[in-house]
Every structure is written in C-alpha cells, then in structure tokens.
Amino acid sequence: MWTPTQQSYRRLCIAIREAYCHDRSQMFWARHRIKVELYKYHRRTPPAALPVLLSVADQVAAFVEVYLRPNPERIRSYNEAVSTLPVREAKKYRKDYLEKEREHRVWCRQRLRGLLEQRPPPPYPF
C-alpha cells in the first residue's frame, strides 16, 4: 500500500512524464526539482502541514497534466501551415509560434509559483 506522499509523488511523476515525453533533459530536471522540494519537507514537517502540502502537490500535478502536455493536433497544424507557406511567411509564422510558446511557458511558471506559494515554509535547515 502506498502512503499519501508516495501517491502524490507518483501523480507528479506521471504528469511530468506526459508533459516532457519529447525532451528527456527537461523531464530529468523537472523530476530533480520535485525530489529537491520533497526532500525539503521530508523529515521535520509537522503533521498538520502534511494535508496542505499534499493538496498543493495534487494541484500542481493536475495543472501539469492539463497545461504542459504537448498537443499533437496543434503541432500537426503548425507543420502543415509551415509547409504550405512561402519561405518568408513561414519564417514569420515560426517566429510568432515560438513567441507564443515562450509566453505560454512563462504563464505556466507564474501559475506554478502561485500554487507553490500556498505551502508553509520548509523546516529550519532550508
């Protein structure tokens, strides 16, 4: 039987695997950051703070599942659009597409920071 903390970690890892299946380095560093955050709260966390931490972890996992998962249909439509456009317009289309992707990543980071600010501060050594 898995503890609630293990279940939460498992949900986070599954969400990250689905979000970063195309980029192994991003997947590695996302998992590493999760392990670091879990280690911060591992030993001396008061039992009263545990439900808050687990609910934040579940919210983060749900957010990652919805907003960070690559959309194959969007990628396919982008590839079709770029292949049919003239070179100059295709370059502009690609530049706009990458700018929107960057803005989306920034928005996701801000949202995740907002979710993580709900946690109580970690115990003393950190």
N, C-alpha and C. Protein backbone atom coordinates (compact mmCIF):
# COMPACT_ATOMS: atom_id res chain seq x y z
N MET A 1 0.85 -1.19 0.00
CA MET A 1 0.00 0.00 0.00
C MET A 1 0.89 1.24 0.00
N TRP A 2 0.50 2.24 -0.76
CA TRP A 2 1.29 3.45 -0.88
C TRP A 2 0.82 4.49 0.11
N THR A 3 1.74 5.25 0.64
CA THR A 3 1.38 6.35 1.53
C THR A 3 0.86 7.51 0.67
N PRO A 4 0.13 8.45 1.28
CA PRO A 4 -0.34 9.60 0.51
C PRO A 4 0.80 10.39 -0.14
N THR A 5 1.94 10.48 0.52
CA THR A 5 3.07 11.19 -0.06
C THR A 5 3.59 10.47 -1.29
N GLN A 6 3.67 9.15 -1.23
CA GLN A 6 4.12 8.38 -2.38
C GLN A 6 3.13 8.48 -3.54
N GLN A 7 1.83 8.46 -3.23
CA GLN A 7 0.83 8.61 -4.28
C GLN A 7 0.93 9.98 -4.94
N SER A 8 1.16 11.00 -4.14
CA SER A 8 1.30 12.35 -4.67
C SER A 8 2.54 12.45 -5.57
N TYR A 9 3.65 11.89 -5.11
CA TYR A 9 4.87 11.89 -5.91
C TYR A 9 4.65 11.13 -7.22
N ARG A 10 3.95 10.04 -7.16
CA ARG A 10 3.67 9.24 -8.35
C ARG A 10 2.83 10.03 -9.35
N ARG A 11 1.79 10.72 -8.86
CA ARG A 11 0.96 11.55 -9.76
C ARG A 11 1.79 12.65 -10.41
N LEU A 12 2.67 13.26 -9.62
CA LEU A 12 3.54 14.30 -10.19
C LEU A 12 4.46 13.73 -11.26
N CYS A 13 5.05 12.57 -11.00
CA CYS A 13 5.96 11.98 -11.98
C CYS A 13 5.24 11.55 -13.26
N ILE A 14 4.05 11.03 -13.12
CA ILE A 14 3.28 10.65 -14.31
C ILE A 14 2.93 11.89 -15.13
N ALA A 15 2.51 12.96 -14.46
CA ALA A 15 2.18 14.20 -15.17
C ALA A 15 3.40 14.76 -15.88
N ILE A 16 4.54 14.71 -15.22
CA ILE A 16 5.77 15.23 -15.83
C ILE A 16 6.20 14.36 -17.00
N ARG A 17 6.06 13.06 -16.86
CA ARG A 17 6.43 12.17 -17.96
C ARG A 17 5.58 12.47 -19.20
N GLU A 18 4.29 12.72 -19.00
CA GLU A 18 3.42 13.03 -20.13
C GLU A 18 3.72 14.41 -20.71
N ALA A 19 4.11 15.35 -19.84
CA ALA A 19 4.37 16.72 -20.31
C ALA A 19 5.69 16.82 -21.06
N TYR A 20 6.70 16.09 -20.62
CA TYR A 20 8.03 16.23 -21.19
C TYR A 20 8.51 14.96 -21.88
N CYS A 21 7.60 14.16 -22.43
CA CYS A 21 8.00 12.91 -23.07
C CYS A 21 8.90 13.18 -24.28
N HIS A 22 8.82 14.36 -24.85
CA HIS A 22 9.59 14.69 -26.04
C HIS A 22 10.99 15.22 -25.71
N ASP A 23 11.25 15.56 -24.44
CA ASP A 23 12.54 16.16 -24.08
C ASP A 23 13.03 15.54 -22.77
N ARG A 24 13.98 14.64 -22.89
CA ARG A 24 14.45 13.90 -21.72
C ARG A 24 15.18 14.78 -20.71
N SER A 25 15.87 15.80 -21.18
CA SER A 25 16.58 16.66 -20.23
C SER A 25 15.60 17.47 -19.40
N GLN A 26 14.54 17.99 -20.03
CA GLN A 26 13.53 18.71 -19.26
C GLN A 26 12.84 17.79 -18.26
N MET A 27 12.59 16.55 -18.69
CA MET A 27 11.97 15.58 -17.78
C MET A 27 12.88 15.29 -16.59
N PHE A 28 14.17 15.12 -16.86
CA PHE A 28 15.12 14.85 -15.78
C PHE A 28 15.13 16.00 -14.78
N TRP A 29 15.25 17.25 -15.26
CA TRP A 29 15.35 18.37 -14.34
C TRP A 29 14.05 18.65 -13.61
N ALA A 30 12.92 18.39 -14.25
CA ALA A 30 11.64 18.54 -13.55
C ALA A 30 11.53 17.53 -12.42
N ARG A 31 11.90 16.28 -12.69
CA ARG A 31 11.89 15.27 -11.63
C ARG A 31 12.88 15.61 -10.53
N HIS A 32 14.03 16.12 -10.91
CA HIS A 32 15.03 16.52 -9.91
C HIS A 32 14.47 17.62 -9.00
N ARG A 33 13.83 18.62 -9.59
CA ARG A 33 13.27 19.71 -8.77
C ARG A 33 12.18 19.19 -7.83
N ILE A 34 11.40 18.23 -8.29
CA ILE A 34 10.38 17.64 -7.41
C ILE A 34 11.04 16.92 -6.23
N LYS A 35 12.09 16.16 -6.52
CA LYS A 35 12.78 15.46 -5.44
C LYS A 35 13.39 16.43 -4.44
N VAL A 36 13.95 17.54 -4.94
CA VAL A 36 14.53 18.53 -4.04
C VAL A 36 13.45 19.14 -3.15
N GLU A 37 12.30 19.48 -3.75
CA GLU A 37 11.22 20.07 -2.96
C GLU A 37 10.67 19.08 -1.94
N LEU A 38 10.54 17.82 -2.32
CA LEU A 38 10.06 16.81 -1.37
C LEU A 38 11.08 16.61 -0.25
N TYR A 39 12.35 16.66 -0.58
CA TYR A 39 13.37 16.47 0.45
C TYR A 39 13.34 17.62 1.46
N LYS A 40 13.05 18.82 1.00
CA LYS A 40 12.98 19.97 1.91
C LYS A 40 11.97 19.73 3.02
N TYR A 41 10.85 19.12 2.68
CA TYR A 41 9.75 18.93 3.64
C TYR A 41 9.75 17.53 4.23
N HIS A 42 10.77 16.74 3.95
CA HIS A 42 10.72 15.31 4.26
C HIS A 42 10.69 15.00 5.76
N ARG A 43 11.64 15.48 6.51
CA ARG A 43 11.81 14.97 7.88
C ARG A 43 10.98 15.70 8.93
N ARG A 44 11.16 16.97 9.04
CA ARG A 44 10.62 17.68 10.20
C ARG A 44 9.32 18.42 9.91
N THR A 45 8.55 17.96 8.97
CA THR A 45 7.29 18.62 8.65
C THR A 45 6.26 18.26 9.71
N PRO A 46 5.61 19.25 10.30
CA PRO A 46 4.57 18.94 11.28
C PRO A 46 3.38 18.23 10.61
N PRO A 47 2.75 17.30 11.31
CA PRO A 47 1.64 16.55 10.70
C PRO A 47 0.49 17.44 10.24
N ALA A 48 0.31 18.59 10.85
CA ALA A 48 -0.78 19.48 10.45
C ALA A 48 -0.53 20.08 9.06
N ALA A 49 0.72 20.21 8.66
CA ALA A 49 1.04 20.81 7.35
C ALA A 49 0.98 19.80 6.22
N LEU A 50 0.96 18.52 6.54
CA LEU A 50 1.00 17.48 5.51
C LEU A 50 -0.19 17.53 4.55
N PRO A 51 -1.44 17.67 5.02
CA PRO A 51 -2.55 17.75 4.06
C PRO A 51 -2.44 18.94 3.11
N VAL A 52 -1.93 20.06 3.61
CA VAL A 52 -1.76 21.23 2.74
C VAL A 52 -0.72 20.94 1.66
N LEU A 53 0.38 20.33 2.06
CA LEU A 53 1.43 20.01 1.10
C LEU A 53 0.95 19.02 0.04
N LEU A 54 0.18 18.02 0.48
CA LEU A 54 -0.32 17.03 -0.47
C LEU A 54 -1.35 17.63 -1.42
N SER A 55 -2.18 18.53 -0.92
CA SER A 55 -3.17 19.16 -1.81
C SER A 55 -2.49 20.06 -2.84
N VAL A 56 -1.42 20.76 -2.42
CA VAL A 56 -0.67 21.59 -3.37
C VAL A 56 -0.02 20.70 -4.43
N ALA A 57 0.55 19.57 -4.01
CA ALA A 57 1.17 18.65 -4.96
C ALA A 57 0.14 18.12 -5.96
N ASP A 58 -1.07 17.81 -5.48
CA ASP A 58 -2.12 17.34 -6.38
C ASP A 58 -2.55 18.44 -7.35
N GLN A 59 -2.62 19.68 -6.88
CA GLN A 59 -2.96 20.80 -7.76
C GLN A 59 -1.89 20.99 -8.83
N VAL A 60 -0.64 20.87 -8.43
CA VAL A 60 0.45 21.01 -9.40
C VAL A 60 0.39 19.89 -10.43
N ALA A 61 0.14 18.67 -10.00
CA ALA A 61 0.04 17.54 -10.93
C ALA A 61 -1.11 17.75 -11.91
N ALA A 62 -2.25 18.22 -11.42
CA ALA A 62 -3.39 18.47 -12.31
C ALA A 62 -3.07 19.59 -13.30
N PHE A 63 -2.40 20.63 -12.83
CA PHE A 63 -2.04 21.74 -13.72
C PHE A 63 -1.08 21.26 -14.81
N VAL A 64 -0.08 20.47 -14.43
CA VAL A 64 0.89 19.98 -15.40
C VAL A 64 0.20 19.08 -16.42
N GLU A 65 -0.72 18.23 -15.97
CA GLU A 65 -1.44 17.35 -16.90
C GLU A 65 -2.21 18.14 -17.94
N VAL A 66 -2.82 19.24 -17.53
CA VAL A 66 -3.68 19.99 -18.44
C VAL A 66 -2.89 20.96 -19.31
N TYR A 67 -1.99 21.72 -18.73
CA TYR A 67 -1.40 22.85 -19.45
C TYR A 67 -0.01 22.58 -20.03
N LEU A 68 0.70 21.59 -19.57
CA LEU A 68 2.05 21.36 -20.08
C LEU A 68 2.14 20.18 -21.04
N ARG A 69 1.09 19.45 -21.20
CA ARG A 69 1.10 18.31 -22.10
C ARG A 69 1.14 18.82 -23.55
N PRO A 70 2.02 18.26 -24.39
CA PRO A 70 2.05 18.71 -25.79
C PRO A 70 0.78 18.30 -26.52
N ASN A 71 0.34 19.15 -27.41
CA ASN A 71 -0.87 18.91 -28.17
C ASN A 71 -0.48 18.47 -29.59
N PRO A 72 -0.61 17.19 -29.92
CA PRO A 72 -0.19 16.72 -31.25
C PRO A 72 -0.96 17.39 -32.39
N GLU A 73 -2.22 17.68 -32.15
CA GLU A 73 -3.02 18.32 -33.20
C GLU A 73 -2.48 19.72 -33.53
N ARG A 74 -2.09 20.45 -32.50
CA ARG A 74 -1.54 21.79 -32.72
C ARG A 74 -0.21 21.71 -33.46
N ILE A 75 0.62 20.75 -33.11
CA ILE A 75 1.91 20.56 -33.78
C ILE A 75 1.69 20.17 -35.25
N ARG A 76 0.74 19.29 -35.48
CA ARG A 76 0.43 18.86 -36.85
C ARG A 76 -0.06 20.03 -37.69
N SER A 77 -0.95 20.85 -37.12
CA SER A 77 -1.46 22.00 -37.88
C SER A 77 -0.35 23.01 -38.15
N TYR A 78 0.58 23.16 -37.19
CA TYR A 78 1.72 24.06 -37.40
C TYR A 78 2.58 23.55 -38.55
N ASN A 79 2.88 22.27 -38.54
CA ASN A 79 3.72 21.70 -39.61
C ASN A 79 3.06 21.84 -40.97
N GLU A 80 1.75 21.61 -41.03
CA GLU A 80 1.04 21.77 -42.30
C GLU A 80 1.06 23.21 -42.77
N ALA A 81 0.85 24.15 -41.85
CA ALA A 81 0.84 25.56 -42.22
C ALA A 81 2.21 26.01 -42.71
N VAL A 82 3.26 25.59 -42.03
CA VAL A 82 4.62 26.00 -42.43
C VAL A 82 4.99 25.39 -43.77
N SER A 83 4.57 24.18 -44.02
CA SER A 83 4.94 23.53 -45.29
C SER A 83 4.22 24.14 -46.48
N THR A 84 3.08 24.78 -46.27
CA THR A 84 2.35 25.36 -47.40
C THR A 84 2.67 26.83 -47.63
N LEU A 85 3.26 27.51 -46.66
CA LEU A 85 3.55 28.93 -46.79
C LEU A 85 4.86 29.17 -47.56
N PRO A 86 4.97 30.34 -48.20
CA PRO A 86 6.27 30.71 -48.77
C PRO A 86 7.30 30.89 -47.66
N VAL A 87 8.57 30.85 -48.00
CA VAL A 87 9.64 30.82 -47.01
C VAL A 87 9.58 32.03 -46.07
N ARG A 88 9.44 33.21 -46.61
CA ARG A 88 9.45 34.41 -45.77
C ARG A 88 8.28 34.39 -44.78
N GLU A 89 7.09 34.03 -45.25
CA GLU A 89 5.93 33.96 -44.36
C GLU A 89 6.05 32.81 -43.36
N ALA A 90 6.66 31.72 -43.80
CA ALA A 90 6.86 30.58 -42.89
C ALA A 90 7.80 30.97 -41.75
N LYS A 91 8.84 31.74 -42.06
CA LYS A 91 9.76 32.19 -41.01
C LYS A 91 9.04 33.08 -40.01
N LYS A 92 8.19 33.98 -40.51
CA LYS A 92 7.43 34.86 -39.61
C LYS A 92 6.45 34.04 -38.78
N TYR A 93 5.79 33.08 -39.42
CA TYR A 93 4.84 32.20 -38.71
C TYR A 93 5.56 31.42 -37.61
N ARG A 94 6.74 30.90 -37.92
CA ARG A 94 7.52 30.15 -36.93
C ARG A 94 7.93 31.06 -35.77
N LYS A 95 8.37 32.28 -36.09
CA LYS A 95 8.77 33.22 -35.05
C LYS A 95 7.59 33.53 -34.13
N ASP A 96 6.42 33.77 -34.70
CA ASP A 96 5.22 34.04 -33.89
C ASP A 96 4.84 32.82 -33.06
N TYR A 97 4.94 31.64 -33.65
CA TYR A 97 4.60 30.40 -32.94
C TYR A 97 5.52 30.20 -31.73
N LEU A 98 6.82 30.39 -31.95
CA LEU A 98 7.78 30.22 -30.85
C LEU A 98 7.59 31.28 -29.77
N GLU A 99 7.22 32.49 -30.17
CA GLU A 99 6.94 33.54 -29.18
C GLU A 99 5.73 33.17 -28.32
N LYS A 100 4.68 32.63 -28.95
CA LYS A 100 3.51 32.19 -28.19
C LYS A 100 3.86 31.04 -27.25
N GLU A 101 4.71 30.13 -27.72
CA GLU A 101 5.15 29.03 -26.86
C GLU A 101 5.91 29.56 -25.64
N ARG A 102 6.80 30.53 -25.87
CA ARG A 102 7.56 31.11 -24.78
C ARG A 102 6.64 31.81 -23.78
N GLU A 103 5.66 32.56 -24.30
CA GLU A 103 4.70 33.23 -23.42
C GLU A 103 3.90 32.22 -22.60
N HIS A 104 3.55 31.10 -23.23
CA HIS A 104 2.82 30.06 -22.51
C HIS A 104 3.67 29.47 -21.39
N ARG A 105 4.96 29.22 -21.66
CA ARG A 105 5.85 28.69 -20.63
C ARG A 105 5.99 29.67 -19.47
N VAL A 106 6.11 30.96 -19.78
CA VAL A 106 6.21 31.98 -18.73
C VAL A 106 4.93 31.99 -17.90
N TRP A 107 3.78 31.93 -18.57
CA TRP A 107 2.50 31.92 -17.85
C TRP A 107 2.41 30.69 -16.95
N CYS A 108 2.84 29.53 -17.45
CA CYS A 108 2.80 28.30 -16.66
C CYS A 108 3.71 28.42 -15.44
N ARG A 109 4.91 28.98 -15.63
CA ARG A 109 5.82 29.15 -14.50
C ARG A 109 5.21 30.04 -13.43
N GLN A 110 4.58 31.14 -13.86
CA GLN A 110 3.95 32.04 -12.89
C GLN A 110 2.83 31.33 -12.15
N ARG A 111 2.05 30.58 -12.87
CA ARG A 111 0.94 29.85 -12.26
C ARG A 111 1.45 28.82 -11.24
N LEU A 112 2.52 28.09 -11.63
CA LEU A 112 3.09 27.10 -10.72
C LEU A 112 3.68 27.76 -9.48
N ARG A 113 4.34 28.89 -9.65
CA ARG A 113 4.86 29.62 -8.48
C ARG A 113 3.72 30.01 -7.55
N GLY A 114 2.60 30.47 -8.14
CA GLY A 114 1.44 30.82 -7.33
C GLY A 114 0.91 29.65 -6.54
N LEU A 115 0.88 28.47 -7.19
CA LEU A 115 0.43 27.26 -6.48
C LEU A 115 1.41 26.90 -5.36
N LEU A 116 2.70 27.00 -5.62
CA LEU A 116 3.69 26.60 -4.62
C LEU A 116 3.78 27.59 -3.46
N GLU A 117 3.33 28.82 -3.65
CA GLU A 117 3.34 29.78 -2.55
C GLU A 117 2.31 29.45 -1.48
N GLN A 118 1.39 28.55 -1.77
CA GLN A 118 0.38 28.15 -0.79
C GLN A 118 1.00 27.27 0.30
N ARG A 119 2.17 26.72 0.04
CA ARG A 119 2.80 25.82 1.02
C ARG A 119 3.30 26.61 2.22
N PRO A 120 3.34 25.98 3.37
CA PRO A 120 4.01 26.62 4.52
C PRO A 120 5.52 26.61 4.27
N PRO A 121 6.26 27.48 4.93
CA PRO A 121 7.72 27.47 4.72
C PRO A 121 8.32 26.14 5.19
N PRO A 122 9.41 25.71 4.55
CA PRO A 122 10.02 24.44 4.96
C PRO A 122 10.63 24.54 6.35
N PRO A 123 10.90 23.39 6.98
CA PRO A 123 11.52 23.39 8.32
C PRO A 123 12.89 24.06 8.32
N TYR A 124 13.47 24.19 9.46
CA TYR A 124 14.64 25.03 9.72
C TYR A 124 15.81 24.93 8.73
N PRO A 125 16.39 23.76 8.46
CA PRO A 125 17.65 23.76 7.71
C PRO A 125 17.57 24.44 6.36
N PHE A 126 16.41 24.62 5.82
CA PHE A 126 16.29 25.24 4.49
C PHE A 126 15.84 26.64 4.71
